[in-house]
Amino acid sequence: MDDPVLLTGAGGRVGQAILNGVGDAHEWRLLDREPLSDDRLPAGVDEDDVVVADVTDDEAIAEAMQGVGAVIHLAGDPRPEAPWNSVLSNNIDGTQTVFEAAVDAGVEKVAFASSNHAVSAYETDERTPEMYRTDDDYRLDGTELPRPGNLYGVSKAAGETLGRYYHDAEGLSVVCVRIGNLTEGHPPRNYERGQAMWLSHRDCAHLFDRCIRADYDYEIVYGISDNERKYYSIERAKAVLGYDPQDDSAAYTLSGEPTEEA
């Protein structure tokens, strides 16, 4: 893509994983509510490419969106325990502001960072912990209805619905990525659920790179690595986006140490 990619929430964990992995692959415009230090900027990006603004600031977002070809929208309150007033403002109103500004600016596509929390209530007492293990074939594939387990998940489900609206009403290409458990270097330690939904940093960067490069209409995909033990299907991400993950939590013990085979 020749036009810049606007990355909101660039200073957060997901944003930094993307920039550290594919920071040299695109021209970037970075937005965060806090200034970004030089060590958080990829090569070729300087302070002129950084916008310090809140995603609820209509004017600032509209200005940041000018000349952009694609958007990766990560900004918001990431806390699973976040209260309603925060997710309403930061995650729902902020996401609507981003989608509206993208349409007004003629942006081609938006990748929206949804979350496993949008569907976490599928993990019932009857299904867990068996659904986290390799011998269980239960899968969520993105065609199921949202089933959030907290208000943060409600806000992410709302963001997915906003994406659906802006695709249908305005023709915006939207992919919603239900991100799993992002950690660097190894899967979450001593946490079966986290290992089943592990997303490595390099697979995260690759996945969002494919969100920028691929052609799609409206999609919901799961953002996890190619884990042997998983209850989220990544087949849609592979088919539509060309996602080709390299990592697997099975290459590590439950305590997060590499297995002998790895």
C-alpha atoms as a PDB file:
ATOM      1  CA  MET A   1       0.000   0.000   0.000  1.00  0.00           C
ATOM      2  CA  ASP A   2       1.437   3.365  -1.059  1.00  0.00           C
ATOM      3  CA  ASP A   3      -0.589   5.518   1.343  1.00  0.00           C
ATOM      4  CA  PRO A   4       0.228   5.642   5.056  1.00  0.00           C
ATOM      5  CA  VAL A   5      -1.335   3.231   7.514  1.00  0.00           C
ATOM      6  CA  LEU A   6      -2.878   4.880  10.568  1.00  0.00           C
ATOM      7  CA  LEU A   7      -2.199   2.837  13.695  1.00  0.00           C
ATOM      8  CA  THR A   8      -4.206   3.933  16.731  1.00  0.00           C
ATOM      9  CA  GLY A   9      -3.042   2.853  20.162  1.00  0.00           C
ATOM     10  CA  ALA A  10       0.464   2.584  18.721  1.00  0.00           C
ATOM     11  CA  GLY A  11       2.151   2.621  22.109  1.00  0.00           C
ATOM     12  CA  GLY A  12       0.279  -0.396  23.485  1.00  0.00           C
ATOM     13  CA  ARG A  13       1.336  -4.048  23.523  1.00  0.00           C
ATOM     14  CA  VAL A  14      -0.324  -5.001  20.245  1.00  0.00           C
ATOM     15  CA  GLY A  15       0.813  -1.835  18.503  1.00  0.00           C
ATOM     16  CA  GLN A  16       4.404  -2.370  19.545  1.00  0.00           C
ATOM     17  CA  ALA A  17       4.313  -6.018  18.452  1.00  0.00           C
ATOM     18  CA  ILE A  18       3.141  -4.877  15.005  1.00  0.00           C
ATOM     19  CA  LEU A  19       5.715  -2.116  14.692  1.00  0.00           C
ATOM     20  CA  ASN A  20       8.581  -4.287  15.922  1.00  0.00           C
ATOM     21  CA  GLY A  21       7.625  -6.994  13.435  1.00  0.00           C
ATOM     22  CA  VAL A  22       6.642  -5.110  10.271  1.00  0.00           C
ATOM     23  CA  GLY A  23       7.612  -1.531  11.071  1.00  0.00           C
ATOM     24  CA  ASP A  24       9.743  -1.330   7.953  1.00  0.00           C
ATOM     25  CA  ALA A  25       7.059  -2.724   5.642  1.00  0.00           C
ATOM     26  CA  HIS A  26       4.741   0.282   5.532  1.00  0.00           C
ATOM     27  CA  GLU A  27       4.606   4.035   5.831  1.00  0.00           C
ATOM     28  CA  TRP A  28       3.024   4.779   9.204  1.00  0.00           C
ATOM     29  CA  ARG A  29       1.033   7.446  10.940  1.00  0.00           C
ATOM     30  CA  LEU A  30       0.948   6.632  14.642  1.00  0.00           C
ATOM     31  CA  LEU A  31      -1.693   7.815  17.079  1.00  0.00           C
ATOM     32  CA  ASP A  32      -1.668   7.465  20.836  1.00  0.00           C
ATOM     33  CA  ARG A  33      -3.061   9.446  23.731  1.00  0.00           C
ATOM     34  CA  GLU A  34       0.493   9.720  25.153  1.00  0.00           C
ATOM     35  CA  PRO A  35       3.667  10.886  23.390  1.00  0.00           C
ATOM     36  CA  LEU A  36       5.778   8.016  22.039  1.00  0.00           C
ATOM     37  CA  SER A  37       9.466   7.858  22.975  1.00  0.00           C
ATOM     38  CA  ASP A  38      12.009   7.304  20.199  1.00  0.00           C
ATOM     39  CA  ASP A  39      12.539   3.676  21.200  1.00  0.00           C
ATOM     40  CA  ARG A  40       8.873   2.960  20.448  1.00  0.00           C
ATOM     41  CA  LEU A  41       9.103   4.279  16.878  1.00  0.00           C
ATOM     42  CA  PRO A  42      10.162   2.099  13.931  1.00  0.00           C
ATOM     43  CA  ALA A  43      12.961   3.217  11.652  1.00  0.00           C
ATOM     44  CA  GLY A  44      11.899   5.984   9.316  1.00  0.00           C
ATOM     45  CA  VAL A  45       9.161   7.267  11.610  1.00  0.00           C
ATOM     46  CA  ASP A  46       9.762  10.519  13.437  1.00  0.00           C
ATOM     47  CA  GLU A  47       7.709  12.847  15.595  1.00  0.00           C
ATOM     48  CA  ASP A  48       6.066  14.380  12.515  1.00  0.00           C
ATOM     49  CA  ASP A  49       4.393  11.001  11.913  1.00  0.00           C
ATOM     50  CA  VAL A  50       3.008  10.797  15.457  1.00  0.00           C
ATOM     51  CA  VAL A  51      -0.347  12.220  16.508  1.00  0.00           C
ATOM     52  CA  VAL A  52      -0.999  12.643  20.223  1.00  0.00           C
ATOM     53  CA  ALA A  53      -4.767  12.569  20.603  1.00  0.00           C
ATOM     54  CA  ASP A  54      -7.673  10.733  22.142  1.00  0.00           C
ATOM     55  CA  VAL A  55      -9.825   8.586  19.853  1.00  0.00           C
ATOM     56  CA  THR A  56     -12.912  10.409  21.102  1.00  0.00           C
ATOM     57  CA  ASP A  57     -11.589  13.703  19.701  1.00  0.00           C
ATOM     58  CA  ASP A  58     -13.510  13.992  16.431  1.00  0.00           C
ATOM     59  CA  GLU A  59     -11.421  16.815  14.979  1.00  0.00           C
ATOM     60  CA  ALA A  60      -8.077  15.221  15.820  1.00  0.00           C
ATOM     61  CA  ILE A  61      -9.099  11.858  14.396  1.00  0.00           C
ATOM     62  CA  ALA A  62     -10.473  13.448  11.227  1.00  0.00           C
ATOM     63  CA  GLU A  63      -7.181  15.291  10.724  1.00  0.00           C
ATOM     64  CA  ALA A  64      -5.097  12.170  11.418  1.00  0.00           C
ATOM     65  CA  MET A  65      -7.142  10.236   8.866  1.00  0.00           C
ATOM     66  CA  GLN A  66      -6.336  12.515   5.915  1.00  0.00           C
ATOM     67  CA  GLY A  67      -4.398  10.760   3.154  1.00  0.00           C
ATOM     68  CA  VAL A  68      -4.513   7.393   4.886  1.00  0.00           C
ATOM     69  CA  GLY A  69      -5.033   4.183   2.916  1.00  0.00           C
ATOM     70  CA  ALA A  70      -5.784   1.796   5.787  1.00  0.00           C
ATOM     71  CA  VAL A  71      -6.360   1.881   9.524  1.00  0.00           C
ATOM     72  CA  ILE A  72      -5.437  -0.544  12.279  1.00  0.00           C
ATOM     73  CA  HIS A  73      -7.607   0.508  15.205  1.00  0.00           C
ATOM     74  CA  LEU A  74      -6.250  -0.701  18.539  1.00  0.00           C
ATOM     75  CA  ALA A  75      -6.895   2.267  20.825  1.00  0.00           C
ATOM     76  CA  GLY A  76      -9.241   1.935  23.767  1.00  0.00           C
ATOM     77  CA  ASP A  77      -9.406   0.796  27.362  1.00  0.00           C
ATOM     78  CA  PRO A  78      -7.870  -2.718  27.312  1.00  0.00           C
ATOM     79  CA  ARG A  79      -8.825  -3.761  30.841  1.00  0.00           C
ATOM     80  CA  PRO A  80     -11.173  -6.762  31.073  1.00  0.00           C
ATOM     81  CA  GLU A  81     -12.518  -5.235  34.291  1.00  0.00           C
ATOM     82  CA  ALA A  82     -12.977  -1.751  32.794  1.00  0.00           C
ATOM     83  CA  PRO A  83     -16.168  -0.022  33.981  1.00  0.00           C
ATOM     84  CA  TRP A  84     -19.020   0.898  31.673  1.00  0.00           C
ATOM     85  CA  ASN A  85     -18.327   4.629  31.544  1.00  0.00           C
ATOM     86  CA  SER A  86     -14.810   3.932  30.283  1.00  0.00           C
ATOM     87  CA  VAL A  87     -15.648   1.318  27.646  1.00  0.00           C
ATOM     88  CA  LEU A  88     -18.602   3.394  26.463  1.00  0.00           C
ATOM     89  CA  SER A  89     -16.407   6.424  25.851  1.00  0.00           C
ATOM     90  CA  ASN A  90     -13.074   4.906  24.848  1.00  0.00           C
ATOM     91  CA  ASN A  91     -14.094   1.676  23.151  1.00  0.00           C
ATOM     92  CA  ILE A  92     -17.548   2.300  21.674  1.00  0.00           C
ATOM     93  CA  ASP A  93     -17.670   6.052  21.046  1.00  0.00           C
ATOM     94  CA  GLY A  94     -13.981   6.049  20.107  1.00  0.00           C
ATOM     95  CA  THR A  95     -14.433   3.216  17.616  1.00  0.00           C
ATOM     96  CA  GLN A  96     -17.423   4.918  16.030  1.00  0.00           C
ATOM     97  CA  THR A  97     -15.344   8.092  15.703  1.00  0.00           C
ATOM     98  CA  VAL A  98     -12.622   6.149  13.894  1.00  0.00           C
ATOM     99  CA  PHE A  99     -15.021   4.403  11.504  1.00  0.00           C
ATOM    100  CA  GLU A 100     -16.850   7.641  10.696  1.00  0.00           C
ATOM    101  CA  ALA A 101     -13.617   9.511  10.065  1.00  0.00           C
ATOM    102  CA  ALA A 102     -12.342   6.684   7.865  1.00  0.00           C
ATOM    103  CA  VAL A 103     -15.443   6.873   5.677  1.00  0.00           C
ATOM    104  CA  ASP A 104     -15.282  10.672   5.472  1.00  0.00           C
ATOM    105  CA  ALA A 105     -11.614  10.518   4.433  1.00  0.00           C
ATOM    106  CA  GLY A 106     -12.162   7.847   1.783  1.00  0.00           C
ATOM    107  CA  VAL A 107     -10.068   5.219   3.563  1.00  0.00           C
ATOM    108  CA  GLU A 108     -10.201   1.807   1.920  1.00  0.00           C
ATOM    109  CA  LYS A 109     -10.067  -0.601   4.858  1.00  0.00           C
ATOM    110  CA  VAL A 110     -10.070  -0.803   8.644  1.00  0.00           C
ATOM    111  CA  ALA A 111      -8.730  -3.628  10.786  1.00  0.00           C
ATOM    112  CA  PHE A 112     -10.480  -3.479  14.149  1.00  0.00           C
ATOM    113  CA  ALA A 113      -8.876  -5.057  17.195  1.00  0.00           C
ATOM    114  CA  SER A 114     -11.650  -7.071  18.774  1.00  0.00           C
ATOM    115  CA  SER A 115     -10.983  -9.540  21.558  1.00  0.00           C
ATOM    116  CA  ASN A 116     -11.470 -13.048  22.835  1.00  0.00           C
ATOM    117  CA  HIS A 117     -13.580 -11.382  25.534  1.00  0.00           C
ATOM    118  CA  ALA A 118     -16.297 -10.762  22.921  1.00  0.00           C
ATOM    119  CA  VAL A 119     -16.988 -14.514  23.024  1.00  0.00           C
ATOM    120  CA  SER A 120     -15.573 -15.584  26.390  1.00  0.00           C
ATOM    121  CA  ALA A 121     -18.957 -16.651  27.793  1.00  0.00           C
ATOM    122  CA  TYR A 122     -18.881 -19.639  25.431  1.00  0.00           C
ATOM    123  CA  GLU A 123     -16.347 -21.040  27.891  1.00  0.00           C
ATOM    124  CA  THR A 124     -18.944 -22.562  30.179  1.00  0.00           C
ATOM    125  CA  ASP A 125     -18.305 -24.755  33.193  1.00  0.00           C
ATOM    126  CA  GLU A 126     -19.498 -27.713  31.134  1.00  0.00           C
ATOM    127  CA  ARG A 127     -16.925 -27.061  28.389  1.00  0.00           C
ATOM    128  CA  THR A 128     -13.882 -26.085  30.424  1.00  0.00           C
ATOM    129  CA  PRO A 129     -11.117 -26.999  30.844  1.00  0.00           C
ATOM    130  CA  GLU A 130     -11.574 -29.736  28.234  1.00  0.00           C
ATOM    131  CA  MET A 131     -12.060 -27.230  25.396  1.00  0.00           C
ATOM    132  CA  TYR A 132      -8.524 -25.936  25.986  1.00  0.00           C
ATOM    133  CA  ARG A 133      -6.980 -29.337  25.231  1.00  0.00           C
ATOM    134  CA  THR A 134      -5.897 -31.098  22.051  1.00  0.00           C
ATOM    135  CA  ASP A 135      -8.401 -33.960  22.303  1.00  0.00           C
ATOM    136  CA  ASP A 136     -11.414 -31.605  22.278  1.00  0.00           C
ATOM    137  CA  ASP A 137     -12.821 -30.595  18.883  1.00  0.00           C
ATOM    138  CA  TYR A 138     -15.002 -27.652  19.990  1.00  0.00           C
ATOM    139  CA  ARG A 139     -14.283 -24.629  17.787  1.00  0.00           C
ATOM    140  CA  LEU A 140     -15.440 -21.043  17.446  1.00  0.00           C
ATOM    141  CA  ASP A 141     -14.915 -19.809  13.888  1.00  0.00           C
ATOM    142  CA  GLY A 142     -16.274 -16.252  13.784  1.00  0.00           C
ATOM    143  CA  THR A 143     -19.716 -17.130  12.463  1.00  0.00           C
ATOM    144  CA  GLU A 144     -21.171 -17.454  15.966  1.00  0.00           C
ATOM    145  CA  LEU A 145     -22.933 -14.589  17.723  1.00  0.00           C
ATOM    146  CA  PRO A 146     -20.948 -12.571  20.255  1.00  0.00           C
ATOM    147  CA  ARG A 147     -21.218 -13.851  23.817  1.00  0.00           C
ATOM    148  CA  PRO A 148     -19.182 -11.453  25.956  1.00  0.00           C
ATOM    149  CA  GLY A 149     -18.133 -12.305  29.470  1.00  0.00           C
ATOM    150  CA  ASN A 150     -17.594  -8.750  30.706  1.00  0.00           C
ATOM    151  CA  LEU A 151     -18.355  -5.150  29.751  1.00  0.00           C
ATOM    152  CA  TYR A 152     -15.040  -4.885  27.929  1.00  0.00           C
ATOM    153  CA  GLY A 153     -16.208  -7.794  25.756  1.00  0.00           C
ATOM    154  CA  VAL A 154     -19.527  -6.012  25.235  1.00  0.00           C
ATOM    155  CA  SER A 155     -17.626  -3.000  23.906  1.00  0.00           C
ATOM    156  CA  LYS A 156     -15.670  -5.182  21.484  1.00  0.00           C
ATOM    157  CA  ALA A 157     -18.846  -6.855  20.253  1.00  0.00           C
ATOM    158  CA  ALA A 158     -20.261  -3.366  19.716  1.00  0.00           C
ATOM    159  CA  GLY A 159     -17.177  -2.461  17.707  1.00  0.00           C
ATOM    160  CA  GLU A 160     -17.703  -5.500  15.480  1.00  0.00           C
ATOM    161  CA  THR A 161     -21.304  -4.419  14.888  1.00  0.00           C
ATOM    162  CA  LEU A 162     -20.198  -0.889  14.063  1.00  0.00           C
ATOM    163  CA  GLY A 163     -17.818  -2.386  11.521  1.00  0.00           C
ATOM    164  CA  ARG A 164     -20.663  -4.368  10.000  1.00  0.00           C
ATOM    165  CA  TYR A 165     -22.743  -1.192   9.732  1.00  0.00           C
ATOM    166  CA  TYR A 166     -20.012   0.868   8.102  1.00  0.00           C
ATOM    167  CA  HIS A 167     -19.321  -1.911   5.625  1.00  0.00           C
ATOM    168  CA  ASP A 168     -22.970  -2.322   4.653  1.00  0.00           C
ATOM    169  CA  ALA A 169     -23.878   1.376   4.679  1.00  0.00           C
ATOM    170  CA  GLU A 170     -20.673   2.914   3.376  1.00  0.00           C
ATOM    171  CA  GLY A 171     -18.773   0.156   1.577  1.00  0.00           C
ATOM    172  CA  LEU A 172     -15.832   0.220   3.990  1.00  0.00           C
ATOM    173  CA  SER A 173     -13.755  -2.970   4.051  1.00  0.00           C
ATOM    174  CA  VAL A 174     -13.586  -4.137   7.664  1.00  0.00           C
ATOM    175  CA  VAL A 175     -11.862  -7.058   9.331  1.00  0.00           C
ATOM    176  CA  CYS A 176     -12.440  -7.645  13.045  1.00  0.00           C
ATOM    177  CA  VAL A 177      -9.628  -9.594  14.698  1.00  0.00           C
ATOM    178  CA  ARG A 178     -10.600 -11.360  17.914  1.00  0.00           C
ATOM    179  CA  ILE A 179      -7.178 -11.262  19.515  1.00  0.00           C
ATOM    180  CA  GLY A 180      -6.164 -14.083  21.839  1.00  0.00           C
ATOM    181  CA  ASN A 181      -3.446 -13.936  24.493  1.00  0.00           C
ATOM    182  CA  LEU A 182      -0.473 -11.957  23.182  1.00  0.00           C
ATOM    183  CA  THR A 183       2.873 -12.654  24.829  1.00  0.00           C
ATOM    184  CA  GLU A 184       6.456 -12.358  23.642  1.00  0.00           C
ATOM    185  CA  GLY A 185       8.948 -15.200  23.479  1.00  0.00           C
ATOM    186  CA  HIS A 186       6.767 -17.936  24.956  1.00  0.00           C
ATOM    187  CA  PRO A 187       3.084 -18.665  25.640  1.00  0.00           C
ATOM    188  CA  PRO A 188       1.458 -17.670  28.932  1.00  0.00           C
ATOM    189  CA  ARG A 189       2.938 -19.759  31.712  1.00  0.00           C
ATOM    190  CA  ASN A 190       0.866 -22.266  33.708  1.00  0.00           C
ATOM    191  CA  TYR A 191      -2.335 -21.077  32.044  1.00  0.00           C
ATOM    192  CA  GLU A 192      -4.145 -23.613  29.862  1.00  0.00           C
ATOM    193  CA  ARG A 193      -6.623 -21.106  28.476  1.00  0.00           C
ATOM    194  CA  GLY A 194      -3.855 -18.681  27.540  1.00  0.00           C
ATOM    195  CA  GLN A 195      -1.828 -21.376  25.804  1.00  0.00           C
ATOM    196  CA  ALA A 196      -4.869 -22.424  23.757  1.00  0.00           C
ATOM    197  CA  MET A 197      -5.308 -18.856  22.520  1.00  0.00           C
ATOM    198  CA  TRP A 198      -1.653 -17.829  22.385  1.00  0.00           C
ATOM    199  CA  LEU A 199      -0.673 -15.205  19.813  1.00  0.00           C
ATOM    200  CA  SER A 200       3.058 -14.749  19.426  1.00  0.00           C
ATOM    201  CA  HIS A 201       4.503 -11.353  18.585  1.00  0.00           C
ATOM    202  CA  ARG A 202       5.700 -12.408  15.138  1.00  0.00           C
ATOM    203  CA  ASP A 203       2.358 -13.992  14.252  1.00  0.00           C
ATOM    204  CA  CYS A 204       0.574 -10.862  15.500  1.00  0.00           C
ATOM    205  CA  ALA A 205       2.701  -8.628  13.269  1.00  0.00           C
ATOM    206  CA  HIS A 206       2.200 -10.929  10.288  1.00  0.00           C
ATOM    207  CA  LEU A 207      -1.563 -11.134  10.837  1.00  0.00           C
ATOM    208  CA  PHE A 208      -2.054  -7.377  10.865  1.00  0.00           C
ATOM    209  CA  ASP A 209       0.293  -7.018   7.908  1.00  0.00           C
ATOM    210  CA  ARG A 210      -2.069  -9.322   6.028  1.00  0.00           C
ATOM    211  CA  CYS A 211      -5.018  -7.196   7.187  1.00  0.00           C
ATOM    212  CA  ILE A 212      -3.351  -4.263   5.431  1.00  0.00           C
ATOM    213  CA  ARG A 213      -2.469  -6.138   2.233  1.00  0.00           C
ATOM    214  CA  ALA A 214      -5.437  -8.486   1.643  1.00  0.00           C
ATOM    215  CA  ASP A 215      -8.740  -7.706  -0.048  1.00  0.00           C
ATOM    216  CA  TYR A 216     -11.943  -8.433   1.876  1.00  0.00           C
ATOM    217  CA  ASP A 217     -15.457  -7.161   2.499  1.00  0.00           C
ATOM    218  CA  TYR A 218     -16.511  -7.730   6.133  1.00  0.00           C
ATOM    219  CA  GLU A 219     -14.819 -10.445   8.151  1.00  0.00           C
ATOM    220  CA  ILE A 220     -14.449 -11.672  11.714  1.00  0.00           C
ATOM    221  CA  VAL A 221     -11.313 -13.740  12.277  1.00  0.00           C
ATOM    222  CA  TYR A 222      -9.446 -15.081  15.262  1.00  0.00           C
ATOM    223  CA  GLY A 223      -6.001 -13.781  16.109  1.00  0.00           C
ATOM    224  CA  ILE A 224      -4.062 -16.682  17.568  1.00  0.00           C
ATOM    225  CA  SER A 225      -0.990 -18.637  16.552  1.00  0.00           C
ATOM    226  CA  ASP A 226      -1.263 -22.083  14.965  1.00  0.00           C
ATOM    227  CA  ASN A 227      -1.582 -23.802  18.319  1.00  0.00           C
ATOM    228  CA  GLU A 228      -2.116 -27.542  18.442  1.00  0.00           C
ATOM    229  CA  ARG A 229      -4.419 -26.986  21.414  1.00  0.00           C
ATOM    230  CA  LYS A 230      -6.967 -24.383  20.360  1.00  0.00           C
ATOM    231  CA  TYR A 231     -10.681 -23.725  20.423  1.00  0.00           C
ATOM    232  CA  TYR A 232     -10.608 -20.834  17.956  1.00  0.00           C
ATOM    233  CA  SER A 233     -10.442 -21.691  14.280  1.00  0.00           C
ATOM    234  CA  ILE A 234      -7.962 -19.711  12.185  1.00  0.00           C
ATOM    235  CA  GLU A 235      -9.109 -21.178   8.873  1.00  0.00           C
ATOM    236  CA  ARG A 236     -10.972 -18.022   7.859  1.00  0.00           C
ATOM    237  CA  ALA A 237      -7.912 -15.873   8.556  1.00  0.00           C
ATOM    238  CA  LYS A 238      -5.826 -18.211   6.423  1.00  0.00           C
ATOM    239  CA  ALA A 239      -8.335 -18.311   3.556  1.00  0.00           C
ATOM    240  CA  VAL A 240      -9.299 -14.633   3.398  1.00  0.00           C
ATOM    241  CA  LEU A 241      -6.180 -12.856   4.614  1.00  0.00           C
ATOM    242  CA  GLY A 242      -3.448 -15.288   3.631  1.00  0.00           C
ATOM    243  CA  TYR A 243      -2.456 -15.633   7.290  1.00  0.00           C
ATOM    244  CA  ASP A 244       0.429 -18.091   7.697  1.00  0.00           C
ATOM    245  CA  PRO A 245       1.282 -18.340  11.408  1.00  0.00           C
ATOM    246  CA  GLN A 246       4.607 -19.837  12.429  1.00  0.00           C
ATOM    247  CA  ASP A 247       4.261 -20.465  16.152  1.00  0.00           C
ATOM    248  CA  ASP A 248       2.526 -23.118  18.259  1.00  0.00           C
ATOM    249  CA  SER A 249       2.155 -23.180  22.036  1.00  0.00           C
ATOM    250  CA  ALA A 250       2.679 -26.959  21.894  1.00  0.00           C
ATOM    251  CA  ALA A 251       6.358 -26.235  21.306  1.00  0.00           C
ATOM    252  CA  TYR A 252       6.471 -25.192  24.964  1.00  0.00           C
ATOM    253  CA  THR A 253       5.673 -26.872  28.247  1.00  0.00           C
ATOM    254  CA  LEU A 254       2.827 -25.630  30.405  1.00  0.00           C
ATOM    255  CA  SER A 255       5.425 -23.684  32.385  1.00  0.00           C
ATOM    256  CA  GLY A 256       6.505 -21.919  29.182  1.00  0.00           C
ATOM    257  CA  GLU A 257       9.802 -23.688  28.585  1.00  0.00           C
ATOM    258  CA  PRO A 258      10.680 -24.997  25.100  1.00  0.00           C
ATOM    259  CA  THR A 259      10.083 -28.715  24.656  1.00  0.00           C
ATOM    260  CA  GLU A 260      12.942 -30.948  23.601  1.00  0.00           C
ATOM    261  CA  GLU A 261      11.450 -31.190  20.098  1.00  0.00           C
ATOM    262  CA  ALA A 262      11.413 -27.362  19.795  1.00  0.00           C
END
